[in-house]
Protein backbone atom coordinates (compact mmCIF):
# COMPACT_ATOMS: atom_id res chain seq x y z
CA UNK A 1 -77.85 0.24 48.04
CA UNK A 2 -76.00 3.37 46.48
CA UNK A 3 -78.60 4.60 44.20
CA UNK A 4 -81.47 5.15 47.01
CA UNK A 5 -78.89 7.62 48.90
CA UNK A 6 -77.93 8.95 45.49
CA UNK A 7 -81.92 10.02 45.08
CA UNK A 8 -81.80 10.79 49.15
CA UNK A 9 -79.67 12.95 48.93
CA UNK A 10 -80.89 14.36 46.39
CA UNK A 11 -84.31 15.35 48.11
CA UNK A 12 -82.06 16.11 50.57
CA UNK A 13 -80.12 18.89 48.71
CA UNK A 14 -83.76 20.62 47.87
CA UNK A 15 -84.42 20.69 51.62
CA UNK A 16 -81.38 21.42 52.48
CA UNK A 17 -79.41 24.18 50.60
CA UNK A 18 -77.25 24.92 53.73
CA UNK A 19 -75.83 21.52 53.08
CA UNK A 20 -75.39 22.03 49.51
CA UNK A 21 -71.98 22.07 49.42
CA UNK A 22 -71.34 19.14 52.17
CA UNK A 23 -73.74 16.79 49.77
CA UNK A 24 -71.89 17.81 46.35
CA UNK A 25 -68.89 16.85 47.88
CA UNK A 26 -71.05 13.12 48.83
CA UNK A 27 -72.20 13.14 45.41
CA UNK A 28 -69.04 13.04 44.23
CA UNK A 29 -67.22 10.77 46.08
CA UNK A 30 -70.05 8.39 45.88
CA UNK A 31 -69.74 8.28 42.34
CA UNK A 32 -66.30 7.46 41.98
CA UNK A 33 -67.40 4.28 44.76
CA UNK A 34 -70.19 3.58 41.94
CA UNK A 35 -67.17 3.34 39.05
CA UNK A 36 -64.21 1.80 41.06
CA UNK A 37 -67.40 -0.55 42.22
CA UNK A 38 -68.20 -0.98 37.99
CA UNK A 39 -64.64 -1.32 37.05
CA UNK A 40 -63.84 -4.67 39.88
CA UNK A 41 -67.45 -6.30 39.14
């Protein structure tokens, strides 16, 4: 699920450059969640 959202977010980044900052934050949070999930699992 996370990998798919990450891929979609990267595609949207090129389509909507004005949302670059928002997506950058979302990407950072997504990576943080993934790192925690890997640590827990």
